[in-house]
Amino acid sequence: ASIPGLTDSGLLTRERPRVAALLNGVRKETEFGDCDPDENDLLALPGTDNLPPCDWHFNETLTFAVTVADVLAGQSVQLWIHTYSDMRFGPFQVNLTRARDIGVCSVELQKQVLPD
């Protein structure tokens, strides 16, 4: 997935995304994603201050316990992308507590996940 809301890394800071999911009152969050830039996308999007498009990989599977009744009742998974900033000073890295919401969506299990 590409994340167009991320800003370019500064001299000492950078933003790193995480995905959070909520289903049936249970919230789970991935570790920080890793960017795998496409070698053809070396320039930022015209007219924006965003990073060039790249594929973000979270290399995790979030699992939730769901019943058939939950699916038939139209249960949805809510997904958020948050970014966290960190500062780098040579070999040292400091995680800042500043989080920023990039996007949110809702995925209905019965209509958008299961086959027809």
Foldseek 3Di string as FASTA:
>chain_A
DWQQQAADADPWKGKWKKKWKDFPRDIDIFDTWDWDADPVFCDPDPPDRGDTTTDTDRPDDDDDDDDPVCLVVFTKMKMWMKIWMWTDDPVDIGTDPDIDTRDMDIGGCNPHPDDD
